[in-house]
Amino acid sequence: MPETSAGNSSSGQNFARVGPRMDARGAAAHRRRLVEAAYGAVVEIGAGYGATFPFYPSAVTGVLALEPDATLRALAVAEAVKAPVPVTVNDGVAEALPAGDESVDVVVSSLVLCSVADQAAALAEVLRVLRPGGLLLFYEHVRSAHRVLAAVEDLLTPLWSRLGGGCHLNRDTAAGIAAAGLTLQDVERFGFSALPGNPRVAHILGTAAKPRE
């Protein structure tokens, strides 16, 4: 959940503390797999503290990384200097991408679409900026497929969203991506416990493509 509102710096500070612990438990390996297919001009939404930057392959010509939280953005700027490809970090949100129509080869979303204020608007922006045939690479936690657990997530989400920087436990993000007009390709669903003592929460890792004209 890296993308936080610009005015909610406490959420950014909290994620800066817990994020590296998540990475050590397996999130870093997920991020590495996430961007294996990245190439050309990339926009990364909700870049957080730059945890994905070290894994971009040489096929990427440049990354525009957007992060609205000032604390996380400062950390991302420091990580960008060490990245293996050119990375520019800017203030920005997924619902208003600073890129022209059909100007981007790949959009990367890593634990972000759970927390954007308007997921449909964010995905509409992804569709707008991608070139025909361009890719959305996503790694997200999603609503459980288990009926009882999903009901619990529905119950907890209003409170959790207020405490967790807008994070929604119960978003069916794969369905949202498809509804936006992107074609789901390889989608892996798995359970992942982000921190010690936390339950294994449903996650997805995959690719969606903008249809060619």
N, C-alpha and C. Protein backbone atom coordinates (compact mmCIF):
# COMPACT_ATOMS: atom_id res chain seq x y z
N MET A 1 0.81 -1.21 0.00
CA MET A 1 0.00 0.00 0.00
C MET A 1 0.85 1.26 0.00
N PRO A 2 1.81 1.44 -0.88
CA PRO A 2 2.66 2.62 -0.85
C PRO A 2 1.94 3.92 -1.12
N GLU A 3 0.92 3.93 -1.98
CA GLU A 3 0.32 5.21 -2.32
C GLU A 3 -0.56 5.69 -1.17
N THR A 4 -0.21 6.84 -0.60
CA THR A 4 -0.95 7.43 0.49
C THR A 4 -1.28 8.86 0.13
N SER A 5 -2.26 9.42 0.81
CA SER A 5 -2.59 10.81 0.52
C SER A 5 -1.46 11.70 0.98
N ALA A 6 -1.29 12.81 0.27
CA ALA A 6 -0.17 13.70 0.56
C ALA A 6 -0.22 14.25 1.96
N GLY A 7 -1.42 14.32 2.53
CA GLY A 7 -1.54 14.88 3.87
C GLY A 7 -1.41 13.86 4.97
N ASN A 8 -1.23 12.60 4.65
CA ASN A 8 -1.21 11.54 5.66
C ASN A 8 0.20 11.00 5.80
N SER A 9 1.10 11.84 6.30
CA SER A 9 2.51 11.45 6.38
C SER A 9 2.75 10.32 7.36
N SER A 10 1.86 10.16 8.37
CA SER A 10 2.05 9.08 9.33
C SER A 10 1.95 7.72 8.65
N SER A 11 1.06 7.60 7.66
CA SER A 11 0.95 6.35 6.92
C SER A 11 2.23 6.06 6.15
N GLY A 12 2.81 7.10 5.56
CA GLY A 12 4.06 6.93 4.86
C GLY A 12 5.18 6.51 5.78
N GLN A 13 5.24 7.13 6.95
CA GLN A 13 6.27 6.77 7.93
C GLN A 13 6.11 5.33 8.39
N ASN A 14 4.86 4.91 8.60
CA ASN A 14 4.61 3.53 9.03
C ASN A 14 5.03 2.55 7.95
N PHE A 15 4.70 2.86 6.69
CA PHE A 15 5.07 1.94 5.61
C PHE A 15 6.57 1.90 5.42
N ALA A 16 7.24 3.01 5.62
CA ALA A 16 8.70 3.04 5.51
C ALA A 16 9.34 2.12 6.55
N ARG A 17 8.68 1.98 7.70
CA ARG A 17 9.21 1.10 8.75
C ARG A 17 8.92 -0.37 8.47
N VAL A 18 7.67 -0.68 8.07
CA VAL A 18 7.29 -2.09 7.94
C VAL A 18 7.63 -2.66 6.57
N GLY A 19 7.75 -1.79 5.54
CA GLY A 19 8.00 -2.28 4.20
C GLY A 19 9.23 -3.17 4.08
N PRO A 20 10.38 -2.75 4.62
CA PRO A 20 11.57 -3.61 4.51
C PRO A 20 11.39 -4.97 5.19
N ARG A 21 10.59 -5.02 6.25
CA ARG A 21 10.31 -6.31 6.89
C ARG A 21 9.48 -7.19 5.96
N MET A 22 8.51 -6.59 5.27
CA MET A 22 7.73 -7.33 4.27
C MET A 22 8.63 -7.85 3.16
N ASP A 23 9.55 -6.99 2.71
CA ASP A 23 10.46 -7.39 1.63
C ASP A 23 11.29 -8.60 2.04
N ALA A 24 11.77 -8.59 3.28
CA ALA A 24 12.61 -9.68 3.76
C ALA A 24 11.83 -10.99 3.86
N ARG A 25 10.52 -10.91 4.04
CA ARG A 25 9.69 -12.12 4.17
C ARG A 25 9.20 -12.65 2.82
N GLY A 26 9.56 -11.97 1.74
CA GLY A 26 9.19 -12.48 0.42
C GLY A 26 8.68 -11.45 -0.55
N ALA A 27 8.32 -10.27 -0.07
CA ALA A 27 7.79 -9.25 -0.98
C ALA A 27 8.84 -8.81 -2.00
N ALA A 28 10.11 -8.78 -1.61
CA ALA A 28 11.16 -8.39 -2.56
C ALA A 28 11.23 -9.37 -3.72
N ALA A 29 11.09 -10.66 -3.42
CA ALA A 29 11.10 -11.66 -4.49
C ALA A 29 9.89 -11.48 -5.41
N HIS A 30 8.76 -11.11 -4.82
CA HIS A 30 7.57 -10.85 -5.65
C HIS A 30 7.81 -9.64 -6.55
N ARG A 31 8.42 -8.60 -6.01
CA ARG A 31 8.69 -7.40 -6.80
C ARG A 31 9.66 -7.71 -7.95
N ARG A 32 10.64 -8.53 -7.67
CA ARG A 32 11.60 -8.90 -8.72
C ARG A 32 10.88 -9.59 -9.89
N ARG A 33 9.99 -10.52 -9.56
CA ARG A 33 9.23 -11.20 -10.60
C ARG A 33 8.28 -10.24 -11.31
N LEU A 34 7.74 -9.30 -10.55
CA LEU A 34 6.79 -8.33 -11.10
C LEU A 34 7.33 -7.61 -12.32
N VAL A 35 8.58 -7.16 -12.24
CA VAL A 35 9.10 -6.29 -13.29
C VAL A 35 9.98 -7.01 -14.31
N GLU A 36 10.03 -8.33 -14.26
CA GLU A 36 10.86 -9.07 -15.21
C GLU A 36 10.50 -8.74 -16.66
N ALA A 37 9.22 -8.51 -16.92
CA ALA A 37 8.77 -8.27 -18.30
C ALA A 37 8.77 -6.79 -18.68
N ALA A 38 9.24 -5.92 -17.80
CA ALA A 38 9.20 -4.48 -18.07
C ALA A 38 10.19 -4.13 -19.19
N TYR A 39 9.82 -3.14 -19.98
CA TYR A 39 10.68 -2.69 -21.08
C TYR A 39 10.30 -1.25 -21.45
N GLY A 40 11.18 -0.59 -22.16
CA GLY A 40 10.88 0.73 -22.71
C GLY A 40 10.57 1.77 -21.64
N ALA A 41 9.60 2.63 -21.95
CA ALA A 41 9.21 3.71 -21.05
C ALA A 41 8.21 3.19 -20.04
N VAL A 42 8.54 3.36 -18.76
CA VAL A 42 7.75 2.79 -17.66
C VAL A 42 7.24 3.90 -16.75
N VAL A 43 6.00 3.78 -16.30
CA VAL A 43 5.48 4.60 -15.21
C VAL A 43 5.18 3.66 -14.05
N GLU A 44 5.73 3.96 -12.88
CA GLU A 44 5.41 3.20 -11.68
C GLU A 44 4.54 4.07 -10.77
N ILE A 45 3.36 3.58 -10.44
CA ILE A 45 2.44 4.33 -9.59
C ILE A 45 2.62 3.91 -8.13
N GLY A 46 2.56 4.89 -7.23
CA GLY A 46 2.71 4.59 -5.82
C GLY A 46 4.02 3.90 -5.53
N ALA A 47 5.12 4.52 -5.91
CA ALA A 47 6.43 3.86 -5.85
C ALA A 47 6.94 3.63 -4.43
N GLY A 48 6.27 4.25 -3.44
CA GLY A 48 6.69 4.04 -2.06
C GLY A 48 8.11 4.49 -1.83
N TYR A 49 8.89 3.65 -1.18
CA TYR A 49 10.28 4.00 -0.85
C TYR A 49 11.27 3.48 -1.90
N GLY A 50 10.75 3.09 -3.06
CA GLY A 50 11.62 2.66 -4.15
C GLY A 50 12.05 1.21 -4.09
N ALA A 51 11.24 0.38 -3.45
CA ALA A 51 11.64 -1.02 -3.27
C ALA A 51 11.72 -1.80 -4.57
N THR A 52 11.02 -1.34 -5.59
CA THR A 52 11.05 -2.04 -6.87
C THR A 52 12.22 -1.62 -7.75
N PHE A 53 12.80 -0.48 -7.50
CA PHE A 53 13.82 0.09 -8.38
C PHE A 53 15.00 -0.85 -8.67
N PRO A 54 15.54 -1.59 -7.68
CA PRO A 54 16.73 -2.41 -7.97
C PRO A 54 16.49 -3.52 -8.97
N PHE A 55 15.23 -3.85 -9.25
CA PHE A 55 14.92 -5.04 -10.03
C PHE A 55 14.57 -4.75 -11.48
N TYR A 56 14.58 -3.48 -11.88
CA TYR A 56 14.23 -3.19 -13.28
C TYR A 56 15.29 -3.74 -14.22
N PRO A 57 14.87 -4.43 -15.29
CA PRO A 57 15.84 -5.02 -16.23
C PRO A 57 16.38 -3.99 -17.21
N SER A 58 17.42 -4.36 -17.91
CA SER A 58 18.09 -3.44 -18.81
C SER A 58 17.24 -3.05 -20.01
N ALA A 59 16.17 -3.81 -20.28
CA ALA A 59 15.28 -3.47 -21.38
C ALA A 59 14.48 -2.19 -21.12
N VAL A 60 14.47 -1.74 -19.87
CA VAL A 60 13.78 -0.50 -19.50
C VAL A 60 14.67 0.69 -19.85
N THR A 61 14.12 1.65 -20.58
CA THR A 61 14.89 2.84 -20.96
C THR A 61 14.75 3.97 -19.94
N GLY A 62 13.68 3.94 -19.15
CA GLY A 62 13.50 4.96 -18.13
C GLY A 62 12.22 4.72 -17.36
N VAL A 63 12.23 5.13 -16.08
CA VAL A 63 11.08 4.96 -15.20
C VAL A 63 10.68 6.32 -14.65
N LEU A 64 9.40 6.66 -14.79
CA LEU A 64 8.82 7.79 -14.08
C LEU A 64 8.07 7.21 -12.90
N ALA A 65 8.59 7.43 -11.69
CA ALA A 65 8.01 6.87 -10.48
C ALA A 65 7.24 7.95 -9.74
N LEU A 66 5.98 7.67 -9.43
CA LEU A 66 5.11 8.64 -8.78
C LEU A 66 4.80 8.21 -7.35
N GLU A 67 4.95 9.15 -6.41
CA GLU A 67 4.66 8.87 -5.01
C GLU A 67 4.18 10.15 -4.33
N PRO A 68 2.92 10.18 -3.85
CA PRO A 68 2.38 11.40 -3.26
C PRO A 68 2.84 11.68 -1.83
N ASP A 69 3.29 10.66 -1.12
CA ASP A 69 3.70 10.88 0.27
C ASP A 69 5.13 11.41 0.34
N ALA A 70 5.33 12.52 1.04
CA ALA A 70 6.64 13.18 1.05
C ALA A 70 7.72 12.32 1.69
N THR A 71 7.38 11.62 2.78
CA THR A 71 8.37 10.78 3.46
C THR A 71 8.85 9.66 2.54
N LEU A 72 7.90 8.96 1.93
CA LEU A 72 8.26 7.87 1.04
C LEU A 72 8.97 8.38 -0.21
N ARG A 73 8.52 9.52 -0.70
CA ARG A 73 9.13 10.07 -1.93
C ARG A 73 10.60 10.40 -1.71
N ALA A 74 10.94 10.96 -0.55
CA ALA A 74 12.34 11.27 -0.26
C ALA A 74 13.20 10.00 -0.23
N LEU A 75 12.65 8.93 0.33
CA LEU A 75 13.38 7.66 0.34
C LEU A 75 13.52 7.11 -1.07
N ALA A 76 12.47 7.27 -1.88
CA ALA A 76 12.53 6.79 -3.26
C ALA A 76 13.57 7.54 -4.07
N VAL A 77 13.69 8.84 -3.84
CA VAL A 77 14.71 9.64 -4.55
C VAL A 77 16.10 9.08 -4.26
N ALA A 78 16.34 8.73 -3.00
CA ALA A 78 17.65 8.17 -2.63
C ALA A 78 17.88 6.81 -3.30
N GLU A 79 16.83 6.00 -3.42
CA GLU A 79 16.96 4.70 -4.07
C GLU A 79 17.15 4.84 -5.58
N ALA A 80 16.56 5.87 -6.15
CA ALA A 80 16.64 6.06 -7.60
C ALA A 80 18.08 6.23 -8.07
N VAL A 81 18.89 6.86 -7.25
CA VAL A 81 20.30 7.08 -7.61
C VAL A 81 21.03 5.77 -7.80
N LYS A 82 20.61 4.73 -7.07
CA LYS A 82 21.29 3.44 -7.11
C LYS A 82 20.67 2.47 -8.11
N ALA A 83 19.59 2.86 -8.75
CA ALA A 83 18.86 1.95 -9.64
C ALA A 83 19.69 1.61 -10.88
N PRO A 84 19.49 0.43 -11.46
CA PRO A 84 20.27 0.02 -12.65
C PRO A 84 19.78 0.66 -13.93
N VAL A 85 18.64 1.36 -13.88
CA VAL A 85 18.11 2.07 -15.05
C VAL A 85 17.76 3.49 -14.60
N PRO A 86 17.61 4.43 -15.53
CA PRO A 86 17.26 5.80 -15.14
C PRO A 86 15.87 5.86 -14.50
N VAL A 87 15.79 6.43 -13.29
CA VAL A 87 14.53 6.57 -12.57
C VAL A 87 14.36 8.02 -12.14
N THR A 88 13.22 8.61 -12.47
CA THR A 88 12.86 9.94 -12.01
C THR A 88 11.69 9.81 -11.06
N VAL A 89 11.79 10.41 -9.89
CA VAL A 89 10.75 10.32 -8.87
C VAL A 89 10.03 11.66 -8.78
N ASN A 90 8.71 11.64 -8.94
CA ASN A 90 7.91 12.86 -8.86
C ASN A 90 6.73 12.67 -7.92
N ASP A 91 6.22 13.79 -7.43
CA ASP A 91 4.94 13.79 -6.71
C ASP A 91 3.83 13.52 -7.72
N GLY A 92 2.90 12.66 -7.39
CA GLY A 92 1.81 12.38 -8.32
C GLY A 92 0.96 11.23 -7.84
N VAL A 93 -0.26 11.15 -8.38
CA VAL A 93 -1.19 10.10 -8.00
C VAL A 93 -1.63 9.32 -9.23
N ALA A 94 -2.12 8.12 -8.99
CA ALA A 94 -2.48 7.23 -10.09
C ALA A 94 -3.69 7.73 -10.86
N GLU A 95 -4.53 8.52 -10.22
CA GLU A 95 -5.74 9.00 -10.89
C GLU A 95 -5.48 10.14 -11.87
N ALA A 96 -4.26 10.65 -11.91
CA ALA A 96 -3.92 11.75 -12.82
C ALA A 96 -2.47 11.59 -13.25
N LEU A 97 -2.21 10.66 -14.16
CA LEU A 97 -0.84 10.36 -14.56
C LEU A 97 -0.29 11.46 -15.47
N PRO A 98 0.91 11.96 -15.16
CA PRO A 98 1.52 13.03 -15.97
C PRO A 98 2.22 12.47 -17.20
N ALA A 99 1.44 11.85 -18.06
CA ALA A 99 1.98 11.25 -19.29
C ALA A 99 0.94 11.40 -20.39
N GLY A 100 1.42 11.52 -21.62
CA GLY A 100 0.53 11.69 -22.75
C GLY A 100 -0.21 10.42 -23.11
N ASP A 101 -1.26 10.58 -23.89
CA ASP A 101 -2.01 9.43 -24.37
C ASP A 101 -1.10 8.50 -25.17
N GLU A 102 -1.19 7.21 -24.85
CA GLU A 102 -0.46 6.16 -25.58
C GLU A 102 1.03 6.47 -25.69
N SER A 103 1.62 6.92 -24.58
CA SER A 103 3.03 7.31 -24.57
C SER A 103 3.92 6.38 -23.75
N VAL A 104 3.33 5.37 -23.12
CA VAL A 104 4.05 4.54 -22.14
C VAL A 104 3.97 3.08 -22.57
N ASP A 105 5.08 2.37 -22.41
CA ASP A 105 5.10 0.94 -22.74
C ASP A 105 4.56 0.07 -21.61
N VAL A 106 4.89 0.44 -20.37
CA VAL A 106 4.55 -0.39 -19.22
C VAL A 106 4.17 0.49 -18.04
N VAL A 107 3.12 0.09 -17.33
CA VAL A 107 2.79 0.69 -16.03
C VAL A 107 2.98 -0.39 -14.98
N VAL A 108 3.64 -0.02 -13.88
CA VAL A 108 3.91 -0.96 -12.79
C VAL A 108 3.13 -0.53 -11.56
N SER A 109 2.44 -1.48 -10.95
CA SER A 109 1.67 -1.23 -9.73
C SER A 109 2.05 -2.29 -8.70
N SER A 110 2.65 -1.86 -7.61
CA SER A 110 3.11 -2.78 -6.58
C SER A 110 2.47 -2.41 -5.24
N LEU A 111 1.45 -3.17 -4.84
CA LEU A 111 0.74 -2.94 -3.57
C LEU A 111 0.19 -1.52 -3.50
N VAL A 112 -0.46 -1.11 -4.57
CA VAL A 112 -0.96 0.27 -4.70
C VAL A 112 -2.46 0.33 -4.93
N LEU A 113 -2.98 -0.54 -5.78
CA LEU A 113 -4.37 -0.41 -6.20
C LEU A 113 -5.36 -0.72 -5.08
N CYS A 114 -4.87 -1.22 -3.96
CA CYS A 114 -5.73 -1.38 -2.78
C CYS A 114 -6.02 -0.05 -2.11
N SER A 115 -5.16 0.94 -2.34
CA SER A 115 -5.24 2.16 -1.55
C SER A 115 -5.55 3.42 -2.35
N VAL A 116 -5.59 3.33 -3.67
CA VAL A 116 -5.93 4.53 -4.43
C VAL A 116 -7.35 4.96 -4.10
N ALA A 117 -7.59 6.26 -4.12
CA ALA A 117 -8.91 6.77 -3.74
C ALA A 117 -9.99 6.28 -4.70
N ASP A 118 -9.66 6.18 -5.98
CA ASP A 118 -10.63 5.78 -6.99
C ASP A 118 -9.95 4.80 -7.93
N GLN A 119 -10.14 3.51 -7.67
CA GLN A 119 -9.44 2.50 -8.47
C GLN A 119 -9.85 2.55 -9.93
N ALA A 120 -11.14 2.75 -10.20
CA ALA A 120 -11.59 2.79 -11.59
C ALA A 120 -10.95 3.95 -12.34
N ALA A 121 -10.83 5.10 -11.69
CA ALA A 121 -10.20 6.25 -12.33
C ALA A 121 -8.71 5.99 -12.57
N ALA A 122 -8.05 5.35 -11.60
CA ALA A 122 -6.63 5.03 -11.76
C ALA A 122 -6.41 4.09 -12.94
N LEU A 123 -7.25 3.07 -13.05
CA LEU A 123 -7.10 2.11 -14.14
C LEU A 123 -7.47 2.74 -15.49
N ALA A 124 -8.41 3.67 -15.49
CA ALA A 124 -8.70 4.39 -16.72
C ALA A 124 -7.49 5.19 -17.19
N GLU A 125 -6.75 5.76 -16.24
CA GLU A 125 -5.53 6.48 -16.57
C GLU A 125 -4.46 5.53 -17.11
N VAL A 126 -4.35 4.35 -16.51
CA VAL A 126 -3.41 3.34 -17.02
C VAL A 126 -3.73 3.02 -18.47
N LEU A 127 -5.00 2.78 -18.75
CA LEU A 127 -5.41 2.47 -20.12
C LEU A 127 -5.10 3.63 -21.06
N ARG A 128 -5.30 4.85 -20.60
CA ARG A 128 -5.06 6.02 -21.45
C ARG A 128 -3.60 6.15 -21.85
N VAL A 129 -2.69 5.99 -20.90
CA VAL A 129 -1.28 6.28 -21.19
C VAL A 129 -0.57 5.12 -21.88
N LEU A 130 -1.09 3.91 -21.76
CA LEU A 130 -0.42 2.77 -22.40
C LEU A 130 -0.58 2.80 -23.91
N ARG A 131 0.49 2.45 -24.59
CA ARG A 131 0.42 2.23 -26.02
C ARG A 131 -0.38 0.95 -26.30
N PRO A 132 -1.01 0.82 -27.46
CA PRO A 132 -1.65 -0.46 -27.80
C PRO A 132 -0.65 -1.61 -27.67
N GLY A 133 -1.05 -2.64 -26.95
CA GLY A 133 -0.14 -3.75 -26.69
C GLY A 133 0.71 -3.55 -25.45
N GLY A 134 0.66 -2.35 -24.84
CA GLY A 134 1.43 -2.09 -23.63
C GLY A 134 0.90 -2.87 -22.45
N LEU A 135 1.72 -2.94 -21.39
CA LEU A 135 1.44 -3.85 -20.27
C LEU A 135 1.22 -3.10 -18.96
N LEU A 136 0.28 -3.60 -18.18
CA LEU A 136 0.18 -3.29 -16.76
C LEU A 136 0.73 -4.49 -16.00
N LEU A 137 1.80 -4.26 -15.24
CA LEU A 137 2.37 -5.30 -14.38
C LEU A 137 1.92 -5.01 -12.96
N PHE A 138 1.27 -5.98 -12.32
CA PHE A 138 0.66 -5.71 -11.02
C PHE A 138 1.00 -6.79 -9.99
N TYR A 139 1.18 -6.32 -8.77
CA TYR A 139 1.38 -7.17 -7.58
C TYR A 139 0.53 -6.53 -6.49
N GLU A 140 -0.55 -7.19 -6.10
CA GLU A 140 -1.53 -6.57 -5.23
C GLU A 140 -2.11 -7.59 -4.25
N HIS A 141 -2.49 -7.12 -3.06
CA HIS A 141 -3.31 -7.98 -2.21
C HIS A 141 -4.77 -7.72 -2.53
N VAL A 142 -5.59 -8.76 -2.45
CA VAL A 142 -6.96 -8.70 -2.97
C VAL A 142 -7.93 -9.40 -2.02
N ARG A 143 -9.20 -9.27 -2.34
CA ARG A 143 -10.26 -9.89 -1.55
C ARG A 143 -10.12 -11.41 -1.57
N SER A 144 -10.33 -12.02 -0.43
CA SER A 144 -10.20 -13.47 -0.33
C SER A 144 -11.25 -14.17 -1.18
N ALA A 145 -10.88 -15.33 -1.73
CA ALA A 145 -11.82 -16.16 -2.45
C ALA A 145 -12.65 -17.02 -1.50
N HIS A 146 -12.25 -17.06 -0.24
CA HIS A 146 -12.98 -17.82 0.78
C HIS A 146 -14.13 -16.97 1.29
N ARG A 147 -15.35 -17.48 1.23
CA ARG A 147 -16.53 -16.67 1.53
C ARG A 147 -16.51 -16.08 2.93
N VAL A 148 -16.11 -16.86 3.92
CA VAL A 148 -16.11 -16.37 5.30
C VAL A 148 -15.03 -15.31 5.49
N LEU A 149 -13.83 -15.58 4.99
CA LEU A 149 -12.75 -14.60 5.12
C LEU A 149 -13.08 -13.32 4.37
N ALA A 150 -13.70 -13.45 3.21
CA ALA A 150 -14.09 -12.26 2.45
C ALA A 150 -15.09 -11.43 3.23
N ALA A 151 -16.02 -12.09 3.92
CA ALA A 151 -17.00 -11.37 4.73
C ALA A 151 -16.32 -10.62 5.88
N VAL A 152 -15.32 -11.24 6.46
CA VAL A 152 -14.57 -10.58 7.53
C VAL A 152 -13.83 -9.36 6.97
N GLU A 153 -13.23 -9.51 5.80
CA GLU A 153 -12.56 -8.38 5.17
C GLU A 153 -13.53 -7.24 4.88
N ASP A 154 -14.72 -7.58 4.42
CA ASP A 154 -15.74 -6.55 4.18
C ASP A 154 -16.06 -5.80 5.47
N LEU A 155 -16.14 -6.54 6.56
CA LEU A 155 -16.47 -5.94 7.85
C LEU A 155 -15.36 -5.03 8.36
N LEU A 156 -14.10 -5.45 8.15
CA LEU A 156 -12.96 -4.72 8.70
C LEU A 156 -12.51 -3.55 7.84
N THR A 157 -12.83 -3.58 6.56
CA THR A 157 -12.27 -2.60 5.63
C THR A 157 -12.56 -1.14 5.99
N PRO A 158 -13.78 -0.76 6.40
CA PRO A 158 -13.99 0.68 6.71
C PRO A 158 -13.05 1.21 7.78
N LEU A 159 -12.85 0.44 8.85
CA LEU A 159 -11.94 0.89 9.91
C LEU A 159 -10.49 0.80 9.44
N TRP A 160 -10.14 -0.32 8.80
CA TRP A 160 -8.75 -0.51 8.37
C TRP A 160 -8.34 0.56 7.36
N SER A 161 -9.25 0.93 6.49
CA SER A 161 -8.94 1.94 5.49
C SER A 161 -8.58 3.28 6.14
N ARG A 162 -9.26 3.62 7.21
CA ARG A 162 -8.94 4.87 7.92
C ARG A 162 -7.59 4.79 8.61
N LEU A 163 -7.26 3.61 9.11
CA LEU A 163 -6.00 3.44 9.85
C LEU A 163 -4.81 3.16 8.93
N GLY A 164 -5.09 2.57 7.76
CA GLY A 164 -4.01 2.06 6.90
C GLY A 164 -3.78 2.85 5.64
N GLY A 165 -3.95 4.16 5.70
CA GLY A 165 -3.63 4.99 4.55
C GLY A 165 -4.51 4.75 3.35
N GLY A 166 -5.78 4.40 3.60
CA GLY A 166 -6.71 4.17 2.50
C GLY A 166 -6.73 2.76 1.97
N CYS A 167 -5.97 1.86 2.57
CA CYS A 167 -5.89 0.47 2.11
C CYS A 167 -7.24 -0.23 2.28
N HIS A 168 -7.70 -0.90 1.23
CA HIS A 168 -8.93 -1.68 1.25
C HIS A 168 -8.58 -3.17 1.22
N LEU A 169 -9.02 -3.88 2.22
CA LEU A 169 -8.73 -5.31 2.30
C LEU A 169 -9.53 -6.12 1.30
N ASN A 170 -10.62 -5.56 0.81
CA ASN A 170 -11.61 -6.36 0.09
C ASN A 170 -11.77 -5.98 -1.38
N ARG A 171 -10.79 -5.36 -1.98
CA ARG A 171 -10.92 -5.00 -3.39
C ARG A 171 -10.61 -6.20 -4.30
N ASP A 172 -11.48 -6.44 -5.25
CA ASP A 172 -11.26 -7.48 -6.26
C ASP A 172 -10.54 -6.81 -7.42
N THR A 173 -9.24 -6.65 -7.27
CA THR A 173 -8.48 -5.83 -8.22
C THR A 173 -8.38 -6.48 -9.60
N ALA A 174 -8.31 -7.79 -9.67
CA ALA A 174 -8.25 -8.44 -10.98
C ALA A 174 -9.52 -8.14 -11.78
N ALA A 175 -10.66 -8.18 -11.13
CA ALA A 175 -11.91 -7.85 -11.80
C ALA A 175 -11.92 -6.38 -12.23
N GLY A 176 -11.36 -5.52 -11.38
CA GLY A 176 -11.29 -4.11 -11.72
C GLY A 176 -10.42 -3.85 -12.94
N ILE A 177 -9.31 -4.57 -13.04
CA ILE A 177 -8.41 -4.42 -14.19
C ILE A 177 -9.13 -4.85 -15.47
N ALA A 178 -9.83 -5.97 -15.41
CA ALA A 178 -10.55 -6.44 -16.59
C ALA A 178 -11.67 -5.47 -16.97
N ALA A 179 -12.37 -4.95 -15.96
CA ALA A 179 -13.47 -4.02 -16.22
C ALA A 179 -12.98 -2.73 -16.86
N ALA A 180 -11.73 -2.38 -16.63
CA ALA A 180 -11.16 -1.15 -17.19
C ALA A 180 -10.86 -1.28 -18.68
N GLY A 181 -10.91 -2.50 -19.20
CA GLY A 181 -10.65 -2.70 -20.63
C GLY A 181 -9.29 -3.31 -20.92
N LEU A 182 -8.58 -3.73 -19.89
CA LEU A 182 -7.30 -4.41 -20.08
C LEU A 182 -7.51 -5.92 -20.11
N THR A 183 -6.69 -6.60 -20.87
CA THR A 183 -6.83 -8.05 -21.02
C THR A 183 -5.89 -8.76 -20.06
N LEU A 184 -6.47 -9.46 -19.08
CA LEU A 184 -5.66 -10.21 -18.12
C LEU A 184 -4.92 -11.33 -18.83
N GLN A 185 -3.63 -11.46 -18.50
CA GLN A 185 -2.82 -12.52 -19.08
C GLN A 185 -2.41 -13.48 -17.96
N ASP A 186 -1.15 -13.59 -17.65
CA ASP A 186 -0.72 -14.50 -16.60
C ASP A 186 -1.04 -13.90 -15.23
N VAL A 187 -1.94 -14.53 -14.49
CA VAL A 187 -2.32 -14.05 -13.17
C VAL A 187 -2.12 -15.19 -12.17
N GLU A 188 -1.21 -15.00 -11.24
CA GLU A 188 -0.95 -15.99 -10.19
C GLU A 188 -1.58 -15.49 -8.89
N ARG A 189 -2.33 -16.35 -8.24
CA ARG A 189 -2.97 -16.01 -6.97
C ARG A 189 -2.31 -16.84 -5.87
N PHE A 190 -1.98 -16.21 -4.75
CA PHE A 190 -1.29 -16.92 -3.68
C PHE A 190 -1.53 -16.21 -2.35
N GLY A 191 -1.32 -16.93 -1.27
CA GLY A 191 -1.40 -16.35 0.06
C GLY A 191 -0.03 -15.87 0.52
N PHE A 192 -0.01 -14.76 1.23
CA PHE A 192 1.26 -14.20 1.69
C PHE A 192 1.04 -13.52 3.03
N SER A 193 1.85 -13.88 4.01
CA SER A 193 1.83 -13.24 5.32
C SER A 193 2.93 -12.18 5.35
N ALA A 194 2.52 -10.92 5.32
CA ALA A 194 3.48 -9.84 5.15
C ALA A 194 4.36 -9.63 6.37
N LEU A 195 3.83 -9.90 7.55
CA LEU A 195 4.57 -9.66 8.79
C LEU A 195 4.35 -10.83 9.74
N PRO A 196 5.28 -11.07 10.67
CA PRO A 196 5.10 -12.17 11.63
C PRO A 196 3.78 -12.04 12.38
N GLY A 197 3.06 -13.15 12.47
CA GLY A 197 1.79 -13.14 13.18
C GLY A 197 0.60 -12.74 12.34
N ASN A 198 0.85 -12.21 11.14
CA ASN A 198 -0.25 -11.83 10.26
C ASN A 198 -0.79 -13.05 9.52
N PRO A 199 -2.08 -13.07 9.23
CA PRO A 199 -2.63 -14.18 8.43
C PRO A 199 -2.14 -14.10 6.99
N ARG A 200 -2.21 -15.23 6.30
CA ARG A 200 -1.88 -15.26 4.88
C ARG A 200 -3.03 -14.63 4.11
N VAL A 201 -2.74 -13.51 3.49
CA VAL A 201 -3.75 -12.74 2.76
C VAL A 201 -3.62 -13.03 1.27
N ALA A 202 -4.73 -13.06 0.57
CA ALA A 202 -4.71 -13.33 -0.87
C ALA A 202 -3.98 -12.22 -1.61
N HIS A 203 -3.10 -12.60 -2.51
CA HIS A 203 -2.37 -11.68 -3.38
C HIS A 203 -2.47 -12.17 -4.81
N ILE A 204 -2.28 -11.24 -5.74
CA ILE A 204 -2.16 -11.61 -7.15
C ILE A 204 -0.90 -10.96 -7.73
N LEU A 205 -0.30 -11.65 -8.67
CA LEU A 205 0.88 -11.17 -9.38
C LEU A 205 0.66 -11.50 -10.85
N GLY A 206 0.69 -10.50 -11.70
CA GLY A 206 0.42 -10.83 -13.08
C GLY A 206 0.57 -9.68 -14.05
N THR A 207 0.03 -9.90 -15.24
CA THR A 207 0.17 -8.99 -16.37
C THR A 207 -1.17 -8.80 -17.03
N ALA A 208 -1.43 -7.56 -17.46
CA ALA A 208 -2.60 -7.27 -18.29
C ALA A 208 -2.13 -6.39 -19.44
N ALA A 209 -2.75 -6.58 -20.60
CA ALA A 209 -2.32 -5.85 -21.80
C ALA A 209 -3.43 -4.95 -22.32
N LYS A 210 -3.03 -3.81 -22.87
CA LYS A 210 -3.98 -2.96 -23.57
C LYS A 210 -4.20 -3.54 -24.95
N PRO A 211 -5.44 -3.76 -25.35
CA PRO A 211 -5.70 -4.34 -26.67
C PRO A 211 -5.08 -3.50 -27.78
N ARG A 212 -4.60 -4.18 -28.82
CA ARG A 212 -4.08 -3.50 -30.01
C ARG A 212 -5.25 -3.06 -30.87
N GLU A 213 -5.07 -1.94 -31.50
CA GLU A 213 -6.14 -1.42 -32.35
C GLU A 213 -6.25 -2.24 -33.64
